[in-house]
């Protein structure tokens, strides 16, 4: 029974795995409820895809993983000292909320990245991965928010309840890849949602936000696999560029090649085990370090660890493996920091 409960809590609930049945590539195509547009090199008229990339594993492999054991035991709760963010920051500061949610304060603007304040990352309020840490910033202490960036529609990144709360309080623009706007407007019809394709740019709060390719997929339910796009963000600011990746497989380093000079890269380092199952969608810490080196960024933040248990690795393993990979590459660990919830970093110039 424990294995069965674990499967039921994850299959189709965590954004990581989405709806397992729809991961089978040969499934019958259905109309796209989120987006209609021309065929491109990453959209076939119904679904988005990674050009020359790897497909996510199918339902049989999900069962093999979930019933195969090897999952580390996480603590039920981890104490957090919540940050009290400033109203604004003139240079560049990142404060970790938890998992992939961060407050990016840059040149007097306040941006939220993949904000999730909900207890669970699931379509259900009573099942699915739950927090082991409180949010690193209490919702009521947030400063003015100028814009929100949402990388894709998995539940650990696109939380409609949190976006609804943010809209009610700040009414700020929400920047998303193609198709994700429909999901947000369905919950919050008055939301100012702005959408773009890979390589397109959006202007917000005096900043330019360009969407960039990454290697992932999307799903909210059992019949919408890859019908909304996923993306990284390159934010051009007066104090330097910030490259934010919500989720990605390493894909031979392609998400990191050809970037312009970047002051800060925000990179996922967790939810990677077992590798045979997670490789198409989540890089591991060593690959994050390789991506950091390929990107040419001067500094990096490691995220996507320590808040929701989505995969097999122990809670504290990603930062430990990150440090080991940095040492192996001769990179000063002060340049690539795995922030814990409530931790803030004033990124060096």
C-alpha atoms as a PDB file:
ATOM      1  CA  UNK A   1       0.000   0.000   0.000  1.00  0.00           C
ATOM      2  CA  UNK A   2       2.715   2.626   0.671  1.00  0.00           C
ATOM      3  CA  UNK A   3       3.969   2.312  -2.917  1.00  0.00           C
ATOM      4  CA  UNK A   4       0.414   2.549  -4.250  1.00  0.00           C
ATOM      5  CA  UNK A   5      -0.305   5.655  -2.177  1.00  0.00           C
ATOM      6  CA  UNK A   6       2.909   7.231  -3.384  1.00  0.00           C
ATOM      7  CA  UNK A   7       1.955   6.556  -6.987  1.00  0.00           C
ATOM      8  CA  UNK A   8      -1.529   8.024  -6.521  1.00  0.00           C
ATOM      9  CA  UNK A   9      -0.096  11.118  -4.900  1.00  0.00           C
ATOM     10  CA  UNK A  10       2.274  11.823  -7.770  1.00  0.00           C
ATOM     11  CA  UNK A  11       0.889  10.380 -10.998  1.00  0.00           C
ATOM     12  CA  UNK A  12      -0.982  13.182 -12.683  1.00  0.00           C
ATOM     13  CA  UNK A  13      -0.682  15.512  -9.695  1.00  0.00           C
ATOM     14  CA  UNK A  14       2.828  16.932  -9.549  1.00  0.00           C
ATOM     15  CA  UNK A  15       3.729  19.211 -12.394  1.00  0.00           C
ATOM     16  CA  UNK A  16       6.857  17.138 -12.764  1.00  0.00           C
ATOM     17  CA  UNK A  17       5.040  14.076 -14.071  1.00  0.00           C
ATOM     18  CA  UNK A  18       1.781  15.624 -15.188  1.00  0.00           C
ATOM     19  CA  UNK A  19      -0.823  13.169 -16.371  1.00  0.00           C
ATOM     20  CA  UNK A  20       1.084   9.977 -16.829  1.00  0.00           C
ATOM     21  CA  UNK A  21      -1.170   8.424 -19.408  1.00  0.00           C
ATOM     22  CA  UNK A  22      -0.743  11.383 -21.742  1.00  0.00           C
ATOM     23  CA  UNK A  23       3.030  10.958 -21.753  1.00  0.00           C
ATOM     24  CA  UNK A  24       2.719   8.178 -24.312  1.00  0.00           C
ATOM     25  CA  UNK A  25       3.840   9.724 -27.590  1.00  0.00           C
ATOM     26  CA  UNK A  26       1.493   7.660 -29.737  1.00  0.00           C
ATOM     27  CA  UNK A  27      -1.700   8.904 -28.066  1.00  0.00           C
ATOM     28  CA  UNK A  28      -4.513  10.167 -30.287  1.00  0.00           C
ATOM     29  CA  UNK A  29      -4.262  13.912 -30.948  1.00  0.00           C
ATOM     30  CA  UNK A  30      -7.130  16.108 -29.756  1.00  0.00           C
ATOM     31  CA  UNK A  31      -7.910  19.780 -30.293  1.00  0.00           C
ATOM     32  CA  UNK A  32      -5.672  22.179 -28.397  1.00  0.00           C
ATOM     33  CA  UNK A  33      -7.787  24.021 -25.793  1.00  0.00           C
ATOM     34  CA  UNK A  34      -5.105  26.647 -25.094  1.00  0.00           C
ATOM     35  CA  UNK A  35      -3.538  27.780 -28.342  1.00  0.00           C
ATOM     36  CA  UNK A  36      -4.190  27.881 -32.083  1.00  0.00           C
ATOM     37  CA  UNK A  37      -1.420  29.057 -34.375  1.00  0.00           C
ATOM     38  CA  UNK A  38       0.781  28.264 -37.345  1.00  0.00           C
ATOM     39  CA  UNK A  39       3.077  25.253 -37.512  1.00  0.00           C
ATOM     40  CA  UNK A  40       6.659  26.079 -36.507  1.00  0.00           C
ATOM     41  CA  UNK A  41       9.885  24.231 -35.789  1.00  0.00           C
ATOM     42  CA  UNK A  42       8.528  23.497 -32.267  1.00  0.00           C
ATOM     43  CA  UNK A  43       4.730  23.365 -32.804  1.00  0.00           C
ATOM     44  CA  UNK A  44       3.042  20.763 -35.012  1.00  0.00           C
ATOM     45  CA  UNK A  45      -0.357  22.453 -35.136  1.00  0.00           C
ATOM     46  CA  UNK A  46      -1.621  20.712 -31.989  1.00  0.00           C
ATOM     47  CA  UNK A  47       1.338  20.167 -29.663  1.00  0.00           C
ATOM     48  CA  UNK A  48       4.615  21.857 -28.857  1.00  0.00           C
ATOM     49  CA  UNK A  49       7.805  19.803 -28.877  1.00  0.00           C
ATOM     50  CA  UNK A  50      11.567  20.003 -28.315  1.00  0.00           C
ATOM     51  CA  UNK A  51      13.283  20.090 -31.725  1.00  0.00           C
ATOM     52  CA  UNK A  52      15.585  17.041 -31.967  1.00  0.00           C
ATOM     53  CA  UNK A  53      14.975  16.494 -28.250  1.00  0.00           C
ATOM     54  CA  UNK A  54      13.925  13.650 -25.952  1.00  0.00           C
ATOM     55  CA  UNK A  55      10.319  12.782 -25.191  1.00  0.00           C
ATOM     56  CA  UNK A  56       9.165  12.345 -21.593  1.00  0.00           C
ATOM     57  CA  UNK A  57       8.867   8.743 -20.435  1.00  0.00           C
ATOM     58  CA  UNK A  58       5.548   6.940 -20.794  1.00  0.00           C
ATOM     59  CA  UNK A  59       3.026   5.489 -18.366  1.00  0.00           C
ATOM     60  CA  UNK A  60       4.736   2.104 -18.045  1.00  0.00           C
ATOM     61  CA  UNK A  61       8.007   3.731 -17.076  1.00  0.00           C
ATOM     62  CA  UNK A  62       6.198   5.931 -14.545  1.00  0.00           C
ATOM     63  CA  UNK A  63       4.786   2.802 -12.908  1.00  0.00           C
ATOM     64  CA  UNK A  64       8.231   1.192 -12.923  1.00  0.00           C
ATOM     65  CA  UNK A  65       9.687   4.239 -11.166  1.00  0.00           C
ATOM     66  CA  UNK A  66       6.904   4.678  -8.615  1.00  0.00           C
ATOM     67  CA  UNK A  67       6.775   0.998  -7.667  1.00  0.00           C
ATOM     68  CA  UNK A  68      10.538   0.473  -7.757  1.00  0.00           C
ATOM     69  CA  UNK A  69      11.482   1.912  -4.376  1.00  0.00           C
ATOM     70  CA  UNK A  70      14.604   3.923  -3.673  1.00  0.00           C
ATOM     71  CA  UNK A  71      12.834   7.092  -2.589  1.00  0.00           C
ATOM     72  CA  UNK A  72      14.597   8.992   0.192  1.00  0.00           C
ATOM     73  CA  UNK A  73      12.636  10.001   3.296  1.00  0.00           C
ATOM     74  CA  UNK A  74      12.230  13.748   3.668  1.00  0.00           C
ATOM     75  CA  UNK A  75      11.500  15.518   6.957  1.00  0.00           C
ATOM     76  CA  UNK A  76       7.855  16.402   7.498  1.00  0.00           C
ATOM     77  CA  UNK A  77       8.798  20.005   8.198  1.00  0.00           C
ATOM     78  CA  UNK A  78      11.845  22.255   8.018  1.00  0.00           C
ATOM     79  CA  UNK A  79      11.981  25.542   9.926  1.00  0.00           C
ATOM     80  CA  UNK A  80      12.226  28.699   7.825  1.00  0.00           C
ATOM     81  CA  UNK A  81      13.213  32.191   8.873  1.00  0.00           C
ATOM     82  CA  UNK A  82      11.084  34.276   6.561  1.00  0.00           C
ATOM     83  CA  UNK A  83      12.669  37.247   4.834  1.00  0.00           C
ATOM     84  CA  UNK A  84      11.296  40.784   5.095  1.00  0.00           C
ATOM     85  CA  UNK A  85      11.982  42.181   1.626  1.00  0.00           C
ATOM     86  CA  UNK A  86      12.761  45.823   0.994  1.00  0.00           C
ATOM     87  CA  UNK A  87      10.288  47.925  -0.964  1.00  0.00           C
ATOM     88  CA  UNK A  88      12.783  47.957  -3.827  1.00  0.00           C
ATOM     89  CA  UNK A  89      16.472  47.391  -4.543  1.00  0.00           C
ATOM     90  CA  UNK A  90      18.602  49.615  -6.743  1.00  0.00           C
ATOM     91  CA  UNK A  91      20.972  46.845  -7.881  1.00  0.00           C
ATOM     92  CA  UNK A  92      20.212  43.058  -7.969  1.00  0.00           C
ATOM     93  CA  UNK A  93      18.858  40.855  -5.191  1.00  0.00           C
ATOM     94  CA  UNK A  94      17.226  37.422  -5.271  1.00  0.00           C
ATOM     95  CA  UNK A  95      15.134  36.149  -2.348  1.00  0.00           C
ATOM     96  CA  UNK A  96      14.066  32.501  -2.301  1.00  0.00           C
ATOM     97  CA  UNK A  97      10.407  31.782  -1.614  1.00  0.00           C
ATOM     98  CA  UNK A  98      10.835  28.045  -2.191  1.00  0.00           C
ATOM     99  CA  UNK A  99      11.240  25.482  -4.988  1.00  0.00           C
ATOM    100  CA  UNK A 100      11.172  27.595  -8.201  1.00  0.00           C
ATOM    101  CA  UNK A 101       9.505  30.641  -6.638  1.00  0.00           C
ATOM    102  CA  UNK A 102      11.735  33.676  -6.168  1.00  0.00           C
ATOM    103  CA  UNK A 103      11.490  37.432  -5.728  1.00  0.00           C
ATOM    104  CA  UNK A 104      13.841  39.136  -8.175  1.00  0.00           C
ATOM    105  CA  UNK A 105      14.513  42.746  -7.225  1.00  0.00           C
ATOM    106  CA  UNK A 106      16.463  44.572  -9.899  1.00  0.00           C
ATOM    107  CA  UNK A 107      17.018  48.256 -10.693  1.00  0.00           C
ATOM    108  CA  UNK A 108      13.990  49.347  -8.671  1.00  0.00           C
ATOM    109  CA  UNK A 109      11.644  46.715 -10.129  1.00  0.00           C
ATOM    110  CA  UNK A 110      10.159  43.726  -8.335  1.00  0.00           C
ATOM    111  CA  UNK A 111       9.505  40.526 -10.299  1.00  0.00           C
ATOM    112  CA  UNK A 112       8.118  37.221  -9.054  1.00  0.00           C
ATOM    113  CA  UNK A 113       9.287  34.042 -10.782  1.00  0.00           C
ATOM    114  CA  UNK A 114       6.982  30.988 -10.899  1.00  0.00           C
ATOM    115  CA  UNK A 115       5.179  32.046  -7.700  1.00  0.00           C
ATOM    116  CA  UNK A 116       3.613  29.282  -5.591  1.00  0.00           C
ATOM    117  CA  UNK A 117       2.251  30.020  -2.108  1.00  0.00           C
ATOM    118  CA  UNK A 118      -0.162  27.071  -2.044  1.00  0.00           C
ATOM    119  CA  UNK A 119       0.305  24.133   0.311  1.00  0.00           C
ATOM    120  CA  UNK A 120       0.343  21.541  -2.494  1.00  0.00           C
ATOM    121  CA  UNK A 121       1.488  21.445  -6.109  1.00  0.00           C
ATOM    122  CA  UNK A 122      -1.476  19.460  -7.374  1.00  0.00           C
ATOM    123  CA  UNK A 123      -4.913  19.917  -8.928  1.00  0.00           C
ATOM    124  CA  UNK A 124      -6.320  18.528  -5.660  1.00  0.00           C
ATOM    125  CA  UNK A 125      -6.314  20.273  -2.286  1.00  0.00           C
ATOM    126  CA  UNK A 126      -6.066  16.988  -0.342  1.00  0.00           C
ATOM    127  CA  UNK A 127      -3.451  15.009  -2.303  1.00  0.00           C
ATOM    128  CA  UNK A 128      -0.195  15.556  -4.096  1.00  0.00           C
ATOM    129  CA  UNK A 129       3.226  16.859  -3.022  1.00  0.00           C
ATOM    130  CA  UNK A 130       2.966  19.151  -0.010  1.00  0.00           C
ATOM    131  CA  UNK A 131       5.337  21.752   1.382  1.00  0.00           C
ATOM    132  CA  UNK A 132       7.951  20.782   3.921  1.00  0.00           C
ATOM    133  CA  UNK A 133       8.900  24.460   4.315  1.00  0.00           C
ATOM    134  CA  UNK A 134       6.806  27.566   4.707  1.00  0.00           C
ATOM    135  CA  UNK A 135       7.232  30.159   1.951  1.00  0.00           C
ATOM    136  CA  UNK A 136      10.452  32.123   2.447  1.00  0.00           C
ATOM    137  CA  UNK A 137       8.435  35.363   2.236  1.00  0.00           C
ATOM    138  CA  UNK A 138       5.031  35.721   3.892  1.00  0.00           C
ATOM    139  CA  UNK A 139       2.511  36.693   1.212  1.00  0.00           C
ATOM    140  CA  UNK A 140       1.314  39.753   3.126  1.00  0.00           C
ATOM    141  CA  UNK A 141       4.869  41.157   3.353  1.00  0.00           C
ATOM    142  CA  UNK A 142       5.487  41.172  -0.400  1.00  0.00           C
ATOM    143  CA  UNK A 143       6.557  44.529  -1.801  1.00  0.00           C
ATOM    144  CA  UNK A 144       4.857  46.046  -4.851  1.00  0.00           C
ATOM    145  CA  UNK A 145       5.081  43.490  -7.664  1.00  0.00           C
ATOM    146  CA  UNK A 146       5.689  44.962 -11.134  1.00  0.00           C
ATOM    147  CA  UNK A 147       5.430  41.706 -13.093  1.00  0.00           C
ATOM    148  CA  UNK A 148       5.193  37.930 -12.733  1.00  0.00           C
ATOM    149  CA  UNK A 149       7.032  35.459 -14.994  1.00  0.00           C
ATOM    150  CA  UNK A 150       5.634  31.914 -15.309  1.00  0.00           C
ATOM    151  CA  UNK A 151       7.815  29.422 -17.189  1.00  0.00           C
ATOM    152  CA  UNK A 152       5.259  26.657 -17.925  1.00  0.00           C
ATOM    153  CA  UNK A 153       2.034  25.090 -16.718  1.00  0.00           C
ATOM    154  CA  UNK A 154       3.138  22.264 -14.393  1.00  0.00           C
ATOM    155  CA  UNK A 155       1.571  22.667 -10.970  1.00  0.00           C
ATOM    156  CA  UNK A 156       4.853  23.380  -9.205  1.00  0.00           C
ATOM    157  CA  UNK A 157       5.331  26.443 -11.452  1.00  0.00           C
ATOM    158  CA  UNK A 158       1.882  27.711 -12.479  1.00  0.00           C
ATOM    159  CA  UNK A 159      -0.306  28.028  -9.385  1.00  0.00           C
ATOM    160  CA  UNK A 160      -3.608  29.648 -10.353  1.00  0.00           C
ATOM    161  CA  UNK A 161      -4.598  30.230  -6.720  1.00  0.00           C
ATOM    162  CA  UNK A 162      -1.446  32.257  -6.060  1.00  0.00           C
ATOM    163  CA  UNK A 163      -1.768  34.156  -9.352  1.00  0.00           C
ATOM    164  CA  UNK A 164      -5.367  35.024  -8.465  1.00  0.00           C
ATOM    165  CA  UNK A 165      -4.229  36.408  -5.097  1.00  0.00           C
ATOM    166  CA  UNK A 166      -1.438  38.394  -6.727  1.00  0.00           C
ATOM    167  CA  UNK A 167      -3.808  39.826  -9.327  1.00  0.00           C
ATOM    168  CA  UNK A 168      -6.281  40.910  -6.638  1.00  0.00           C
ATOM    169  CA  UNK A 169      -3.537  42.700  -4.717  1.00  0.00           C
ATOM    170  CA  UNK A 170      -1.284  44.138  -7.430  1.00  0.00           C
ATOM    171  CA  UNK A 171      -3.018  43.790 -10.801  1.00  0.00           C
ATOM    172  CA  UNK A 172       0.434  43.302 -12.363  1.00  0.00           C
ATOM    173  CA  UNK A 173       1.194  41.847 -15.824  1.00  0.00           C
ATOM    174  CA  UNK A 174       1.830  38.092 -15.998  1.00  0.00           C
ATOM    175  CA  UNK A 175       4.279  37.011 -18.705  1.00  0.00           C
ATOM    176  CA  UNK A 176       3.939  33.472 -20.039  1.00  0.00           C
ATOM    177  CA  UNK A 177       4.822  31.297 -23.056  1.00  0.00           C
ATOM    178  CA  UNK A 178       2.149  30.580 -25.674  1.00  0.00           C
ATOM    179  CA  UNK A 179      -1.017  28.897 -24.430  1.00  0.00           C
ATOM    180  CA  UNK A 180      -0.526  29.437 -20.723  1.00  0.00           C
ATOM    181  CA  UNK A 181      -2.591  32.617 -20.849  1.00  0.00           C
ATOM    182  CA  UNK A 182      -5.769  30.570 -21.388  1.00  0.00           C
ATOM    183  CA  UNK A 183      -5.188  28.622 -18.170  1.00  0.00           C
ATOM    184  CA  UNK A 184      -4.741  31.776 -16.098  1.00  0.00           C
ATOM    185  CA  UNK A 185      -7.654  33.679 -17.640  1.00  0.00           C
ATOM    186  CA  UNK A 186      -9.943  30.724 -16.996  1.00  0.00           C
ATOM    187  CA  UNK A 187      -9.368  31.235 -13.245  1.00  0.00           C
ATOM    188  CA  UNK A 188      -8.851  35.021 -13.278  1.00  0.00           C
ATOM    189  CA  UNK A 189     -10.678  36.552 -16.274  1.00  0.00           C
ATOM    190  CA  UNK A 190      -9.431  40.091 -15.601  1.00  0.00           C
ATOM    191  CA  UNK A 191      -5.748  39.181 -15.385  1.00  0.00           C
ATOM    192  CA  UNK A 192      -3.279  41.116 -17.554  1.00  0.00           C
ATOM    193  CA  UNK A 193      -1.612  38.082 -19.156  1.00  0.00           C
ATOM    194  CA  UNK A 194       0.925  38.672 -21.923  1.00  0.00           C
ATOM    195  CA  UNK A 195       2.188  35.818 -24.027  1.00  0.00           C
ATOM    196  CA  UNK A 196       5.022  35.205 -26.467  1.00  0.00           C
ATOM    197  CA  UNK A 197       6.852  32.486 -28.380  1.00  0.00           C
ATOM    198  CA  UNK A 198      10.504  31.476 -28.108  1.00  0.00           C
ATOM    199  CA  UNK A 199      12.837  34.292 -29.225  1.00  0.00           C
ATOM    200  CA  UNK A 200      10.081  36.911 -28.898  1.00  0.00           C
ATOM    201  CA  UNK A 201      10.320  39.766 -26.393  1.00  0.00           C
ATOM    202  CA  UNK A 202       7.833  41.437 -24.079  1.00  0.00           C
ATOM    203  CA  UNK A 203       8.274  44.891 -22.529  1.00  0.00           C
ATOM    204  CA  UNK A 204       7.252  45.358 -18.923  1.00  0.00           C
ATOM    205  CA  UNK A 205       8.124  47.910 -16.227  1.00  0.00           C
ATOM    206  CA  UNK A 206      10.876  49.350 -18.404  1.00  0.00           C
ATOM    207  CA  UNK A 207      12.515  45.937 -18.835  1.00  0.00           C
ATOM    208  CA  UNK A 208      12.788  43.681 -21.860  1.00  0.00           C
ATOM    209  CA  UNK A 209      11.924  40.040 -21.210  1.00  0.00           C
ATOM    210  CA  UNK A 210      12.860  37.658 -24.019  1.00  0.00           C
ATOM    211  CA  UNK A 211      11.611  34.065 -24.078  1.00  0.00           C
ATOM    212  CA  UNK A 212      14.244  31.417 -24.797  1.00  0.00           C
ATOM    213  CA  UNK A 213      14.086  27.687 -25.608  1.00  0.00           C
ATOM    214  CA  UNK A 214      14.547  25.071 -22.905  1.00  0.00           C
ATOM    215  CA  UNK A 215      14.005  21.297 -22.951  1.00  0.00           C
ATOM    216  CA  UNK A 216      10.816  20.370 -21.146  1.00  0.00           C
ATOM    217  CA  UNK A 217       7.102  19.631 -21.664  1.00  0.00           C
ATOM    218  CA  UNK A 218       3.748  20.602 -20.188  1.00  0.00           C
ATOM    219  CA  UNK A 219       0.446  19.196 -18.898  1.00  0.00           C
ATOM    220  CA  UNK A 220      -2.325  20.106 -16.479  1.00  0.00           C
ATOM    221  CA  UNK A 221      -4.451  16.985 -16.951  1.00  0.00           C
ATOM    222  CA  UNK A 222      -4.802  13.743 -18.831  1.00  0.00           C
ATOM    223  CA  UNK A 223      -5.419  15.079 -22.352  1.00  0.00           C
ATOM    224  CA  UNK A 224      -3.340  18.248 -22.781  1.00  0.00           C
ATOM    225  CA  UNK A 225       0.257  17.064 -22.943  1.00  0.00           C
ATOM    226  CA  UNK A 226       2.507  19.748 -24.486  1.00  0.00           C
ATOM    227  CA  UNK A 227      -0.415  21.899 -25.634  1.00  0.00           C
ATOM    228  CA  UNK A 228       1.039  24.959 -23.872  1.00  0.00           C
ATOM    229  CA  UNK A 229       4.614  26.078 -24.447  1.00  0.00           C
ATOM    230  CA  UNK A 230       7.458  26.115 -21.891  1.00  0.00           C
ATOM    231  CA  UNK A 231      10.309  28.646 -21.902  1.00  0.00           C
ATOM    232  CA  UNK A 232      13.254  30.205 -20.127  1.00  0.00           C
ATOM    233  CA  UNK A 233      13.448  33.988 -19.711  1.00  0.00           C
ATOM    234  CA  UNK A 234      16.276  36.400 -20.500  1.00  0.00           C
ATOM    235  CA  UNK A 235      15.580  39.626 -18.595  1.00  0.00           C
ATOM    236  CA  UNK A 236      17.459  42.699 -19.819  1.00  0.00           C
ATOM    237  CA  UNK A 237      17.868  45.268 -17.036  1.00  0.00           C
ATOM    238  CA  UNK A 238      19.885  48.456 -16.478  1.00  0.00           C
ATOM    239  CA  UNK A 239      22.234  46.520 -14.154  1.00  0.00           C
ATOM    240  CA  UNK A 240      22.797  43.426 -16.301  1.00  0.00           C
ATOM    241  CA  UNK A 241      20.965  40.475 -17.823  1.00  0.00           C
ATOM    242  CA  UNK A 242      19.298  37.722 -15.781  1.00  0.00           C
ATOM    243  CA  UNK A 243      18.672  34.293 -17.338  1.00  0.00           C
ATOM    244  CA  UNK A 244      15.940  32.333 -15.559  1.00  0.00           C
ATOM    245  CA  UNK A 245      15.222  28.653 -16.264  1.00  0.00           C
ATOM    246  CA  UNK A 246      12.223  27.194 -14.447  1.00  0.00           C
ATOM    247  CA  UNK A 247      12.721  23.594 -15.618  1.00  0.00           C
ATOM    248  CA  UNK A 248      14.883  21.956 -18.258  1.00  0.00           C
ATOM    249  CA  UNK A 249      16.622  18.805 -19.304  1.00  0.00           C
ATOM    250  CA  UNK A 250      20.267  19.387 -20.148  1.00  0.00           C
ATOM    251  CA  UNK A 251      19.812  18.409 -23.822  1.00  0.00           C
ATOM    252  CA  UNK A 252      23.531  18.436 -24.595  1.00  0.00           C
ATOM    253  CA  UNK A 253      23.805  21.978 -23.264  1.00  0.00           C
ATOM    254  CA  UNK A 254      21.611  23.541 -25.966  1.00  0.00           C
ATOM    255  CA  UNK A 255      19.582  25.740 -23.577  1.00  0.00           C
ATOM    256  CA  UNK A 256      22.822  27.475 -22.557  1.00  0.00           C
ATOM    257  CA  UNK A 257      24.607  28.047 -25.849  1.00  0.00           C
ATOM    258  CA  UNK A 258      24.662  31.392 -27.605  1.00  0.00           C
ATOM    259  CA  UNK A 259      23.508  33.509 -24.687  1.00  0.00           C
ATOM    260  CA  UNK A 260      24.658  37.136 -24.502  1.00  0.00           C
ATOM    261  CA  UNK A 261      26.734  38.342 -21.553  1.00  0.00           C
ATOM    262  CA  UNK A 262      24.718  37.540 -18.434  1.00  0.00           C
ATOM    263  CA  UNK A 263      25.211  38.683 -14.857  1.00  0.00           C
ATOM    264  CA  UNK A 264      23.047  36.023 -13.216  1.00  0.00           C
ATOM    265  CA  UNK A 265      21.706  32.619 -14.266  1.00  0.00           C
ATOM    266  CA  UNK A 266      18.887  31.120 -12.175  1.00  0.00           C
ATOM    267  CA  UNK A 267      19.068  27.360 -12.741  1.00  0.00           C
ATOM    268  CA  UNK A 268      17.225  24.261 -11.469  1.00  0.00           C
ATOM    269  CA  UNK A 269      19.359  21.758  -9.550  1.00  0.00           C
ATOM    270  CA  UNK A 270      16.798  19.340  -8.049  1.00  0.00           C
ATOM    271  CA  UNK A 271      14.095  16.737  -8.836  1.00  0.00           C
ATOM    272  CA  UNK A 272      16.493  14.674 -10.956  1.00  0.00           C
ATOM    273  CA  UNK A 273      16.419  11.107  -9.555  1.00  0.00           C
ATOM    274  CA  UNK A 274      16.245   8.486 -10.910  1.00  0.00           C
ATOM    275  CA  UNK A 275      18.178   9.700 -13.950  1.00  0.00           C
ATOM    276  CA  UNK A 276      16.797   7.063 -16.318  1.00  0.00           C
ATOM    277  CA  UNK A 277      13.343   8.580 -15.815  1.00  0.00           C
ATOM    278  CA  UNK A 278      14.098  12.267 -15.177  1.00  0.00           C
ATOM    279  CA  UNK A 279      16.787  12.963 -17.766  1.00  0.00           C
ATOM    280  CA  UNK A 280      14.450  14.282 -20.497  1.00  0.00           C
ATOM    281  CA  UNK A 281      12.926  16.903 -18.206  1.00  0.00           C
ATOM    282  CA  UNK A 282      15.208  17.775 -15.282  1.00  0.00           C
ATOM    283  CA  UNK A 283      18.946  18.359 -15.239  1.00  0.00           C
ATOM    284  CA  UNK A 284      21.030  17.228 -12.255  1.00  0.00           C
ATOM    285  CA  UNK A 285      23.480  19.438 -10.289  1.00  0.00           C
ATOM    286  CA  UNK A 286      26.501  18.436 -12.390  1.00  0.00           C
ATOM    287  CA  UNK A 287      24.622  19.362 -15.557  1.00  0.00           C
ATOM    288  CA  UNK A 288      23.551  22.646 -13.975  1.00  0.00           C
ATOM    289  CA  UNK A 289      27.222  23.448 -13.375  1.00  0.00           C
ATOM    290  CA  UNK A 290      28.038  22.487 -16.970  1.00  0.00           C
ATOM    291  CA  UNK A 291      25.218  24.735 -18.162  1.00  0.00           C
ATOM    292  CA  UNK A 292      26.501  27.569 -15.985  1.00  0.00           C
ATOM    293  CA  UNK A 293      29.932  27.232 -17.569  1.00  0.00           C
ATOM    294  CA  UNK A 294      28.472  27.094 -21.089  1.00  0.00           C
ATOM    295  CA  UNK A 295      26.275  30.141 -20.475  1.00  0.00           C
ATOM    296  CA  UNK A 296      29.178  32.375 -19.505  1.00  0.00           C
ATOM    297  CA  UNK A 297      27.108  33.859 -16.674  1.00  0.00           C
ATOM    298  CA  UNK A 298      29.124  35.432 -13.872  1.00  0.00           C
ATOM    299  CA  UNK A 299      26.926  34.148 -11.039  1.00  0.00           C
ATOM    300  CA  UNK A 300      24.141  31.605 -10.547  1.00  0.00           C
ATOM    301  CA  UNK A 301      21.330  30.725  -8.157  1.00  0.00           C
ATOM    302  CA  UNK A 302      20.314  27.076  -7.710  1.00  0.00           C
ATOM    303  CA  UNK A 303      16.604  26.412  -7.190  1.00  0.00           C
ATOM    304  CA  UNK A 304      13.981  23.625  -7.595  1.00  0.00           C
ATOM    305  CA  UNK A 305      15.008  21.757  -4.443  1.00  0.00           C
ATOM    306  CA  UNK A 306      14.097  21.449  -0.771  1.00  0.00           C
ATOM    307  CA  UNK A 307      10.412  22.486  -0.687  1.00  0.00           C
ATOM    308  CA  UNK A 308       8.304  19.794  -2.432  1.00  0.00           C
ATOM    309  CA  UNK A 309       9.446  16.183  -2.657  1.00  0.00           C
ATOM    310  CA  UNK A 310       8.812  15.291  -6.283  1.00  0.00           C
ATOM    311  CA  UNK A 311      11.478  12.655  -6.918  1.00  0.00           C
ATOM    312  CA  UNK A 312      13.789  10.148  -5.224  1.00  0.00           C
ATOM    313  CA  UNK A 313      16.780  12.148  -4.021  1.00  0.00           C
ATOM    314  CA  UNK A 314      17.227  13.264  -0.413  1.00  0.00           C
ATOM    315  CA  UNK A 315      16.261  16.830   0.431  1.00  0.00           C
ATOM    316  CA  UNK A 316      19.829  18.015   1.076  1.00  0.00           C
ATOM    317  CA  UNK A 317      21.451  16.078  -1.787  1.00  0.00           C
ATOM    318  CA  UNK A 318      21.190  18.734  -4.551  1.00  0.00           C
ATOM    319  CA  UNK A 319      23.280  21.391  -2.725  1.00  0.00           C
ATOM    320  CA  UNK A 320      25.862  18.753  -1.747  1.00  0.00           C
ATOM    321  CA  UNK A 321      26.204  17.491  -5.318  1.00  0.00           C
ATOM    322  CA  UNK A 322      26.289  21.057  -6.594  1.00  0.00           C
ATOM    323  CA  UNK A 323      29.261  21.850  -4.361  1.00  0.00           C
ATOM    324  CA  UNK A 324      31.015  18.665  -5.512  1.00  0.00           C
ATOM    325  CA  UNK A 325      30.455  19.539  -9.185  1.00  0.00           C
ATOM    326  CA  UNK A 326      31.710  23.102  -8.677  1.00  0.00           C
ATOM    327  CA  UNK A 327      34.858  21.810  -6.986  1.00  0.00           C
ATOM    328  CA  UNK A 328      35.441  19.353  -9.836  1.00  0.00           C
ATOM    329  CA  UNK A 329      35.254  22.218 -12.356  1.00  0.00           C
ATOM    330  CA  UNK A 330      37.403  24.548 -10.254  1.00  0.00           C
ATOM    331  CA  UNK A 331      34.538  27.062  -9.932  1.00  0.00           C
ATOM    332  CA  UNK A 332      34.342  29.176  -6.783  1.00  0.00           C
ATOM    333  CA  UNK A 333      31.160  28.026  -4.972  1.00  0.00           C
ATOM    334  CA  UNK A 334      30.507  31.663  -4.038  1.00  0.00           C
ATOM    335  CA  UNK A 335      29.558  32.176  -7.705  1.00  0.00           C
ATOM    336  CA  UNK A 336      26.774  29.528  -7.708  1.00  0.00           C
ATOM    337  CA  UNK A 337      24.613  29.524  -4.593  1.00  0.00           C
ATOM    338  CA  UNK A 338      21.748  27.092  -3.839  1.00  0.00           C
ATOM    339  CA  UNK A 339      19.396  29.417  -1.964  1.00  0.00           C
ATOM    340  CA  UNK A 340      17.179  28.028   0.802  1.00  0.00           C
ATOM    341  CA  UNK A 341      13.687  29.426   1.509  1.00  0.00           C
ATOM    342  CA  UNK A 342      13.973  32.839   3.166  1.00  0.00           C
ATOM    343  CA  UNK A 343      17.558  33.337   2.011  1.00  0.00           C
ATOM    344  CA  UNK A 344      18.417  36.506   0.054  1.00  0.00           C
ATOM    345  CA  UNK A 345      21.507  37.214  -2.044  1.00  0.00           C
ATOM    346  CA  UNK A 346      22.777  40.559  -3.240  1.00  0.00           C
ATOM    347  CA  UNK A 347      24.406  39.386  -6.438  1.00  0.00           C
ATOM    348  CA  UNK A 348      27.883  40.875  -6.942  1.00  0.00           C
ATOM    349  CA  UNK A 349      28.324  43.332  -9.783  1.00  0.00           C
END
